[in-house]
Protein backbone atom coordinates (compact mmCIF):
# COMPACT_ATOMS: atom_id res chain seq x y z
CA MET A 1 6.82 26.42 -8.04
CA GLU A 2 5.95 23.67 -10.45
CA PHE A 3 7.45 20.23 -9.95
CA LYS A 4 9.39 19.09 -13.06
CA LYS A 5 11.30 15.98 -12.09
CA ILE A 6 9.70 13.18 -10.00
CA THR A 7 11.40 10.17 -8.41
CA THR A 8 9.35 7.20 -7.39
CA ALA A 9 10.62 4.53 -5.03
CA GLY A 10 9.19 1.00 -5.16
CA SER A 11 7.82 -0.64 -8.23
CA GLY A 12 5.21 -3.01 -6.77
CA VAL A 13 1.61 -2.94 -7.70
CA LEU A 14 0.80 0.57 -6.61
CA GLY A 15 4.30 1.94 -7.03
CA ALA A 16 4.28 0.94 -10.69
CA GLN A 17 0.81 2.49 -11.18
CA VAL A 18 2.01 5.84 -9.54
CA THR A 19 5.14 5.81 -11.72
CA PHE A 20 3.24 5.17 -15.06
CA HIS A 21 0.43 7.62 -14.32
CA THR A 22 2.75 10.34 -13.33
CA ALA A 23 4.68 9.85 -16.52
CA PHE A 24 1.34 9.65 -18.46
CA GLN A 25 0.51 13.16 -17.09
CA GLY A 26 3.72 14.58 -18.64
CA TYR A 27 6.28 14.36 -15.91
CA GLN A 28 9.81 13.01 -16.22
CA VAL A 29 10.01 10.11 -13.75
CA SER A 30 13.03 8.40 -12.25
CA LEU A 31 12.01 4.93 -10.79
CA TYR A 32 14.22 3.51 -8.04
CA ASP A 33 14.14 -0.10 -6.87
CA LEU A 34 16.60 -2.57 -5.29
CA ASN A 35 17.82 -4.42 -8.37
CA GLU A 36 17.54 -4.97 -12.09
CA GLU A 37 15.29 -8.00 -11.70
CA VAL A 38 12.49 -6.01 -10.08
CA LEU A 39 12.83 -3.17 -12.43
CA GLU A 40 12.40 -5.62 -15.41
CA LYS A 41 9.13 -6.75 -13.72
CA ALA A 42 8.14 -3.06 -13.49
CA LYS A 43 8.67 -2.70 -17.23
CA LYS A 44 6.34 -5.62 -17.86
CA ARG A 45 3.72 -3.91 -15.62
CA PHE A 46 4.12 -0.76 -17.61
CA GLN A 47 3.44 -2.66 -20.83
CA ASP A 48 0.24 -4.01 -19.19
CA LEU A 49 -0.70 -0.50 -18.09
CA LYS A 50 -0.29 0.88 -21.58
CA GLU A 51 -2.96 -1.54 -22.79
CA ILE A 52 -5.14 -0.73 -19.80
CA TYR A 53 -4.85 3.04 -20.48
CA LYS A 54 -5.75 2.53 -24.14
CA ARG A 55 -8.72 0.40 -23.25
CA GLU A 56 -10.19 2.12 -20.30
CA LEU A 57 -9.12 5.80 -20.79
CA LYS A 58 -9.16 5.73 -24.61
CA ALA A 59 -5.55 6.84 -24.63
CA THR A 60 -3.74 6.90 -27.95
CA GLN A 61 -0.80 4.57 -28.66
CA LYS A 62 1.44 7.69 -28.90
CA ALA A 63 0.37 8.90 -25.46
CA VAL A 64 1.09 5.58 -23.69
CA ASP A 65 4.41 5.17 -25.69
CA ASP A 66 5.50 8.70 -24.70
CA ALA A 67 4.64 8.00 -21.08
CA TYR A 68 6.73 4.83 -21.15
CA LEU A 69 9.73 6.78 -22.55
CA ARG A 70 9.53 9.38 -19.80
CA ILE A 71 10.45 6.79 -17.29
CA GLU A 72 14.18 6.18 -16.38
CA TYR A 73 15.30 3.21 -14.10
CA PHE A 74 17.82 3.29 -11.31
CA THR A 75 19.22 0.83 -8.63
CA ASP A 76 21.38 3.63 -7.18
CA LEU A 77 19.28 5.94 -4.94
CA LYS A 78 21.70 8.86 -5.17
CA GLN A 79 21.47 8.77 -8.93
CA ALA A 80 17.63 8.41 -8.90
CA VAL A 81 17.11 11.52 -6.83
CA ARG A 82 19.96 13.62 -8.06
CA ASP A 83 17.71 16.38 -9.38
CA ALA A 84 14.33 15.43 -7.96
CA ASP A 85 11.76 18.08 -6.95
CA LEU A 86 9.58 15.30 -5.33
CA LEU A 87 10.01 11.76 -4.19
CA ILE A 88 7.06 9.50 -3.89
CA GLU A 89 7.76 6.38 -1.72
CA SER A 90 5.71 3.19 -2.27
CA ILE A 91 7.95 0.62 -0.67
CA PRO A 92 6.58 -2.25 1.57
CA GLU A 93 4.39 -1.52 4.59
CA ASP A 94 7.19 -2.37 7.14
CA PRO A 95 8.19 0.36 9.57
CA LYS A 96 11.82 -0.93 9.74
CA ILE A 97 12.19 -0.94 5.97
CA LYS A 98 10.68 2.54 5.58
CA ARG A 99 12.68 3.98 8.42
CA GLU A 100 16.01 2.58 6.96
CA PHE A 101 15.02 3.94 3.43
CA TYR A 102 14.37 7.43 4.71
CA GLN A 103 17.62 7.57 6.66
CA GLN A 104 19.50 6.62 3.46
CA LEU A 105 17.48 8.96 1.38
CA ALA A 106 18.20 11.90 3.68
CA LEU A 107 21.92 11.52 2.97
CA VAL A 108 21.66 11.69 -0.79
CA ALA A 109 18.53 13.77 -1.78
CA PRO A 110 18.90 17.45 -2.77
CA VAL A 111 17.83 20.01 -0.20
CA LYS A 112 14.87 21.07 -2.45
CA THR A 113 13.37 17.59 -2.62
CA ILE A 114 10.01 17.01 -1.01
CA PHE A 115 9.26 13.50 0.28
CA VAL A 116 5.81 11.91 0.36
CA THR A 117 4.89 8.48 1.49
CA ASN A 118 2.23 6.42 -0.18
CA SER A 119 1.84 4.27 2.90
CA SER A 120 -1.68 2.87 3.49
CA THR A 121 -1.47 2.52 7.26
CA LEU A 122 1.64 4.13 8.68
CA VAL A 123 1.36 7.81 9.51
CA PRO A 124 4.16 10.29 8.46
CA SER A 125 5.07 11.34 11.97
CA LEU A 126 6.54 7.83 12.40
CA PHE A 127 9.24 8.65 9.94
CA ALA A 128 9.49 12.47 9.92
CA GLU A 129 12.65 12.58 12.03
CA ASP A 130 14.35 9.89 9.82
CA THR A 131 13.74 12.11 6.70
CA GLY A 132 15.98 14.83 7.99
CA ARG A 133 13.45 17.29 6.68
CA PRO A 134 10.26 16.97 8.54
CA LYS A 135 8.83 20.27 7.20
CA GLN A 136 9.06 18.79 3.64
CA PHE A 137 7.53 15.43 4.45
CA LEU A 138 3.96 14.25 4.34
CA ALA A 139 1.65 11.52 3.07
CA LEU A 140 0.20 11.32 -0.48
CA HIS A 141 -1.94 8.20 -0.69
CA PHE A 142 -3.27 6.75 -3.93
CA ALA A 143 -6.04 4.11 -4.29
CA ASN A 144 -5.35 0.97 -6.39
CA GLU A 145 -6.20 1.29 -10.01
CA ILE A 146 -5.11 4.92 -9.84
CA TRP A 147 -6.37 5.70 -13.39
CA LYS A 148 -9.96 5.28 -12.49
CA HIS A 149 -10.05 5.43 -8.60
CA ASN A 150 -8.48 8.80 -8.78
CA THR A 151 -8.41 10.05 -5.20
CA ALA A 152 -5.32 11.47 -3.69
CA GLU A 153 -5.47 11.58 0.12
CA ILE A 154 -3.01 14.23 1.46
CA MET A 155 -2.05 14.18 5.15
CA GLY A 156 0.65 16.12 6.90
CA HIS A 157 2.01 15.81 10.43
CA GLU A 158 2.46 18.47 13.06
CA LEU A 159 5.68 19.82 11.49
CA THR A 160 4.65 19.72 7.79
CA ASP A 161 5.04 23.17 6.23
CA LEU A 162 1.62 24.26 5.04
CA ALA A 163 3.09 25.70 1.81
CA VAL A 164 4.52 22.25 1.08
CA PHE A 165 1.11 20.72 1.84
CA ASP A 166 -0.54 23.04 -0.73
CA ARG A 167 2.16 22.30 -3.32
CA ILE A 168 1.19 18.62 -3.03
CA VAL A 169 -2.47 19.41 -3.41
CA GLU A 170 -1.63 21.25 -6.65
CA PHE A 171 0.57 18.38 -7.80
CA ALA A 172 -2.35 15.95 -7.19
CA VAL A 173 -4.63 18.08 -9.38
CA SER A 174 -2.00 18.09 -12.14
CA LEU A 175 -2.20 14.30 -12.18
CA ASN A 176 -5.94 14.56 -12.70
CA MET A 177 -6.60 13.36 -9.22
CA VAL A 178 -9.29 14.54 -6.78
CA PRO A 179 -7.24 15.81 -3.76
CA ILE A 180 -8.69 14.68 -0.38
CA GLU A 181 -7.28 16.89 2.37
CA LEU A 182 -6.97 15.43 5.95
CA HIS A 183 -6.71 17.97 8.82
CA LYS A 184 -4.81 15.60 11.20
CA GLU A 185 -3.07 12.24 11.07
CA GLN A 186 -5.31 9.18 10.82
CA SER A 187 -3.93 5.75 10.13
CA GLY A 188 -5.71 4.50 7.08
CA TYR A 189 -6.65 8.00 5.98
CA ILE A 190 -10.33 8.21 5.02
CA LEU A 191 -10.77 5.50 2.41
CA ASP A 192 -8.95 2.79 4.31
CA SER A 193 -10.56 3.84 7.63
CA LEU A 194 -13.77 2.88 5.94
CA LEU A 195 -12.49 -0.01 4.02
CA ILE A 196 -10.37 -1.78 6.47
CA PRO A 197 -13.13 -2.80 8.95
CA LEU A 198 -14.88 -4.49 5.99
CA LEU A 199 -11.69 -6.28 4.95
CA ASN A 200 -11.01 -7.32 8.54
CA ALA A 201 -14.50 -8.71 8.94
CA THR A 202 -13.88 -10.60 5.67
CA MET A 203 -10.61 -12.14 6.99
CA ASN A 204 -12.41 -13.19 10.19
CA LEU A 205 -15.13 -14.98 8.11
CA LEU A 206 -12.46 -16.70 6.16
CA VAL A 207 -10.12 -17.81 8.89
CA ASN A 208 -13.08 -19.07 11.01
CA LYS A 209 -14.36 -20.94 7.93
CA VAL A 210 -17.77 -19.24 8.17
CA ALA A 211 -18.06 -18.90 4.42
CA ASP A 212 -16.02 -19.06 1.19
CA PRO A 213 -14.82 -16.09 -0.84
CA GLN A 214 -17.57 -16.42 -3.41
CA ALA A 215 -20.28 -16.44 -0.81
CA ILE A 216 -18.79 -13.42 1.00
CA ASP A 217 -18.52 -11.37 -2.18
CA LYS A 218 -22.06 -12.27 -3.34
CA ALA A 219 -23.44 -11.21 0.02
CA TRP A 220 -21.72 -7.91 -0.04
CA VAL A 221 -22.34 -7.04 -3.71
CA ILE A 222 -26.01 -8.04 -3.78
CA GLY A 223 -26.77 -6.69 -0.34
CA SER A 224 -24.98 -3.37 -0.55
CA GLY A 225 -25.05 -2.55 -4.15
CA ALA A 226 -21.18 -2.32 -4.38
CA THR A 227 -19.51 -3.09 -7.60
CA LEU A 228 -16.82 -5.33 -6.06
CA GLY A 229 -16.82 -7.86 -3.28
CA PRO A 230 -14.26 -7.74 -0.35
CA CYS A 231 -12.33 -10.78 -1.46
CA ALA A 232 -11.96 -9.35 -4.93
CA ILE A 233 -10.78 -6.11 -3.26
CA LEU A 234 -8.21 -8.08 -1.27
CA ASP A 235 -6.93 -9.61 -4.55
CA LEU A 236 -6.74 -6.10 -6.00
CA VAL A 237 -4.82 -4.65 -3.04
CA GLY A 238 -2.30 -7.57 -3.12
CA LEU A 239 -2.25 -10.38 -0.62
CA ASN A 240 1.32 -9.71 0.14
CA THR A 241 0.34 -6.17 1.29
CA VAL A 242 -2.55 -7.64 3.36
CA TYR A 243 -0.22 -10.21 4.86
CA ASN A 244 2.30 -7.53 5.84
CA ILE A 245 -0.37 -5.48 7.60
CA HIS A 246 -1.57 -8.45 9.60
CA LYS A 247 2.03 -9.46 10.37
CA ILE A 248 2.81 -5.99 11.79
CA GLY A 249 -0.49 -6.18 13.84
CA ALA A 250 0.43 -9.67 15.19
CA GLU A 251 3.95 -8.60 16.14
CA ARG A 252 2.82 -5.31 17.73
CA THR A 253 -0.16 -6.61 19.68
CA ARG A 254 0.43 -10.29 20.02
CA ASN A 255 -3.32 -10.59 19.21
CA PRO A 256 -4.00 -14.29 18.50
CA ASN A 257 -6.66 -13.30 15.97
CA GLU A 258 -4.12 -11.30 13.96
CA LEU A 259 -1.66 -14.15 14.16
CA LYS A 260 -4.31 -16.49 12.84
CA LYS A 261 -5.03 -14.22 9.91
CA MET A 262 -1.29 -13.83 9.24
CA ASN A 263 -0.80 -17.58 9.16
CA TYR A 264 -3.87 -18.21 7.02
CA LEU A 265 -2.56 -15.87 4.40
CA LYS A 266 0.99 -17.23 4.56
CA GLU A 267 0.14 -20.83 4.38
CA ASN A 268 -2.58 -20.63 1.78
CA PHE A 269 -1.34 -17.78 -0.45
CA ILE A 270 1.97 -16.14 0.24
CA ASP A 271 4.07 -19.43 0.35
CA LYS A 272 2.38 -20.58 -2.83
CA GLY A 273 3.02 -17.43 -4.75
CA LYS A 274 -0.65 -16.48 -4.86
CA LEU A 275 -0.48 -12.77 -4.36
CA GLY A 276 -3.83 -11.75 -5.90
CA LYS A 277 -4.44 -10.10 -9.24
CA VAL A 278 -0.78 -9.14 -9.69
CA SER A 279 0.34 -12.84 -9.82
CA GLY A 280 -2.75 -14.17 -11.66
CA GLN A 281 -4.10 -16.00 -8.66
CA GLY A 282 -5.42 -15.17 -5.18
CA PHE A 283 -8.96 -15.83 -4.05
CA TYR A 284 -9.85 -15.76 -7.75
CA THR A 285 -7.87 -16.65 -10.90
CA TYR A 286 -6.96 -13.85 -13.32
CA PRO A 287 -7.61 -12.75 -15.98
CA ASN A 288 -11.33 -13.30 -16.26
CA PRO A 289 -12.11 -13.93 -12.56
CA GLU A 290 -15.45 -15.72 -11.96
CA PHE A 291 -17.02 -12.74 -10.36
CA GLU A 292 -16.82 -10.96 -13.81
CA ASN A 293 -19.22 -13.67 -15.25
CA PRO A 294 -22.74 -12.06 -15.48
CA ASP A 295 -24.20 -15.19 -13.91
CA PHE A 296 -21.98 -15.11 -10.75
CA TYR A 297 -24.51 -12.99 -8.80
CA LYS A 298 -27.62 -14.69 -10.13
CA SER A 299 -29.75 -17.35 -8.47
CA LYS A 300 -28.88 -20.82 -9.82
C-alpha cells in the first residue's frame, strides 16, 4: 500500500532536509516541532533549500514552490499525526528525549502509522518498546545534503515486520534515494561506521592541538582523493550533533577523552553559537568557506 501522508518530527538541519525533499517528491508533509519559533526557522531553511534545488538539481521555480506548499506546520503532535501513514523522526540524538517522544507519540498516532527513526547512532531496539508498535518501527537514515548524497540506510530490529521493512525500501525508492538494506542492527549503520572513526581521529588531533582544521583537511583531501575534509564534514553534520554524540559517550563511559572532546566543542563552538554550516560559522565561515577556494589545496 502506498504512503500518502507523511509526518516529520524535528526541523533541524537534517530534519528540514528530509521534510523538504519528501514534499519535493510529491508527498503531503506535516512538520511537527516544539514551538512556532523553531518552525519559523524551518521555513527559512526551506527557502534556502528552494534555491539549492534550483541551482544543483536544476529544479524549476514551480517545482520548489509546489514542494513548499505541500508542507503544513504543527506544534500539536496529535494534530500533526492525525492521518499519517508514516512518521519520520529526526529529533536530537539524546536517548531520553527520543524515549519521551515515542512514549508521547504512541498515545496519539493512528494504528496504521509506521514510525521510523533517522537517528545516526542509536539503534531502533532502544526505543521499540516505547513506540507501542515494535513491529511497525525501524530506522531510516539519510545522509546530510540529502538531495545529492541520496542514500537511505534501512535497518530493522528483531521484531520489525519484514513487510513493513519492504514498504520502507519502496518509500526510499519513491524519494529517488538508493536504499541501503542492513541485515542486523549496527550503531552508525554503514556510512557512519566508516565515517565516525575518521571524525573521531580528527577530534583527537584537534583537542590534543596536533594540527589545525585547515592542515587536517588538506592532509585528508590531498592524500586520499576525497572531495571534502573531515573538519568541513563536521561543519556539515552540525557541531551541535557532534557535541551531543560526545556528550552521550562521556556520560555513558566516563571516558576522559570523550569528556575532553565534549568540553572542547562546548567552549569553542556551542557556547559561542558556532554550530557549523547551519549557523554560518564552525571550523570555517559560511558561505564561501576557504576550502572552496581553488588555491586552498595548492602549494604556497
